[in-house]
Amino acid sequence: MPTLDWQKSSYSGDGSNCVYVASSPTGTVHLRESDNPEVVLTTTAPRLHTFICALKERKWDDA
């Protein structure tokens, strides 16, 4: 497996809890969290796009 070029999400800000994303030559998208970087989730760009859009549409209840 080639070395991945991890980039911090722009939504992570300057905090210590950050989400990182990388893509491989095959088009697989890799996601990890800074507190547990050895755990890597993989998906495809279209599925990640669908997931992010669903999160944006969701009405979050803080109560």
C-alpha atoms as a PDB file:
ATOM      1  CA  MET A   1       0.000   0.000   0.000  1.00  0.00           C
ATOM      2  CA  PRO A   2       1.440   3.409  -0.924  1.00  0.00           C
ATOM      3  CA  THR A   3       2.036   6.018   1.737  1.00  0.00           C
ATOM      4  CA  LEU A   4      -1.052   8.185   2.171  1.00  0.00           C
ATOM      5  CA  ASP A   5      -0.871  11.977   2.159  1.00  0.00           C
ATOM      6  CA  TRP A   6      -3.112  12.821   5.134  1.00  0.00           C
ATOM      7  CA  GLN A   7      -4.762  16.240   5.247  1.00  0.00           C
ATOM      8  CA  LYS A   8      -6.538  17.738   8.226  1.00  0.00           C
ATOM      9  CA  SER A   9     -10.170  18.625   7.636  1.00  0.00           C
ATOM     10  CA  SER A  10     -10.767  22.365   7.381  1.00  0.00           C
ATOM     11  CA  TYR A  11     -13.634  21.926   9.845  1.00  0.00           C
ATOM     12  CA  SER A  12     -11.287  20.613  12.549  1.00  0.00           C
ATOM     13  CA  GLY A  13      -9.880  24.053  13.308  1.00  0.00           C
ATOM     14  CA  ASP A  14      -6.926  24.314  15.683  1.00  0.00           C
ATOM     15  CA  GLY A  15      -8.238  21.890  18.290  1.00  0.00           C
ATOM     16  CA  SER A  16      -6.692  18.589  19.266  1.00  0.00           C
ATOM     17  CA  ASN A  17      -9.623  16.461  18.048  1.00  0.00           C
ATOM     18  CA  CYS A  18      -9.087  16.459  14.303  1.00  0.00           C
ATOM     19  CA  VAL A  19     -10.357  14.433  11.393  1.00  0.00           C
ATOM     20  CA  TYR A  20      -7.863  13.560   8.663  1.00  0.00           C
ATOM     21  CA  VAL A  21      -8.616  12.450   5.119  1.00  0.00           C
ATOM     22  CA  ALA A  22      -6.467  10.875   2.405  1.00  0.00           C
ATOM     23  CA  SER A  23      -7.153   9.296  -0.954  1.00  0.00           C
ATOM     24  CA  SER A  24      -5.363   6.424  -2.620  1.00  0.00           C
ATOM     25  CA  PRO A  25      -4.608   6.026  -6.332  1.00  0.00           C
ATOM     26  CA  THR A  26      -7.514   3.567  -6.587  1.00  0.00           C
ATOM     27  CA  GLY A  27      -9.960   6.294  -5.493  1.00  0.00           C
ATOM     28  CA  THR A  28     -10.529   4.931  -2.009  1.00  0.00           C
ATOM     29  CA  VAL A  29     -11.060   7.634   0.607  1.00  0.00           C
ATOM     30  CA  HIS A  30      -9.434   7.032   4.015  1.00  0.00           C
ATOM     31  CA  LEU A  31     -10.575   8.756   7.208  1.00  0.00           C
ATOM     32  CA  ARG A  32      -9.012   8.786  10.661  1.00  0.00           C
ATOM     33  CA  GLU A  33      -9.327  10.738  13.906  1.00  0.00           C
ATOM     34  CA  SER A  34      -6.331  12.252  15.673  1.00  0.00           C
ATOM     35  CA  ASP A  35      -7.032  10.556  19.026  1.00  0.00           C
ATOM     36  CA  ASN A  36      -6.992   7.078  17.459  1.00  0.00           C
ATOM     37  CA  PRO A  37      -4.969   7.343  14.206  1.00  0.00           C
ATOM     38  CA  GLU A  38      -4.396   3.597  13.840  1.00  0.00           C
ATOM     39  CA  VAL A  39      -8.130   3.114  13.154  1.00  0.00           C
ATOM     40  CA  VAL A  40      -8.831   4.026   9.527  1.00  0.00           C
ATOM     41  CA  LEU A  41     -12.242   4.006   7.869  1.00  0.00           C
ATOM     42  CA  THR A  42     -12.418   3.584   4.103  1.00  0.00           C
ATOM     43  CA  THR A  43     -15.140   4.538   1.656  1.00  0.00           C
ATOM     44  CA  THR A  44     -15.629   5.953  -1.826  1.00  0.00           C
ATOM     45  CA  ALA A  45     -15.947   9.617  -2.746  1.00  0.00           C
ATOM     46  CA  PRO A  46     -19.640   9.308  -3.771  1.00  0.00           C
ATOM     47  CA  ARG A  47     -20.555   7.570  -0.501  1.00  0.00           C
ATOM     48  CA  LEU A  48     -18.667  10.154   1.562  1.00  0.00           C
ATOM     49  CA  HIS A  49     -20.438  12.921  -0.346  1.00  0.00           C
ATOM     50  CA  THR A  50     -23.839  11.343   0.383  1.00  0.00           C
ATOM     51  CA  PHE A  51     -22.942  10.980   4.073  1.00  0.00           C
ATOM     52  CA  ILE A  52     -21.796  14.606   4.418  1.00  0.00           C
ATOM     53  CA  CYS A  53     -24.909  15.895   2.639  1.00  0.00           C
ATOM     54  CA  ALA A  54     -27.112  13.845   4.970  1.00  0.00           C
ATOM     55  CA  LEU A  55     -25.317  15.307   8.003  1.00  0.00           C
ATOM     56  CA  LYS A  56     -25.802  18.847   6.701  1.00  0.00           C
ATOM     57  CA  GLU A  57     -29.540  18.268   6.232  1.00  0.00           C
ATOM     58  CA  ARG A  58     -30.078  16.690   9.648  1.00  0.00           C
ATOM     59  CA  LYS A  59     -31.689  18.827  12.313  1.00  0.00           C
ATOM     60  CA  TRP A  60     -29.569  18.311  15.436  1.00  0.00           C
ATOM     61  CA  ASP A  61     -31.403  18.506  18.748  1.00  0.00           C
ATOM     62  CA  ASP A  62     -29.164  19.749  21.566  1.00  0.00           C
ATOM     63  CA  ALA A  63     -31.789  18.961  24.209  1.00  0.00           C
END
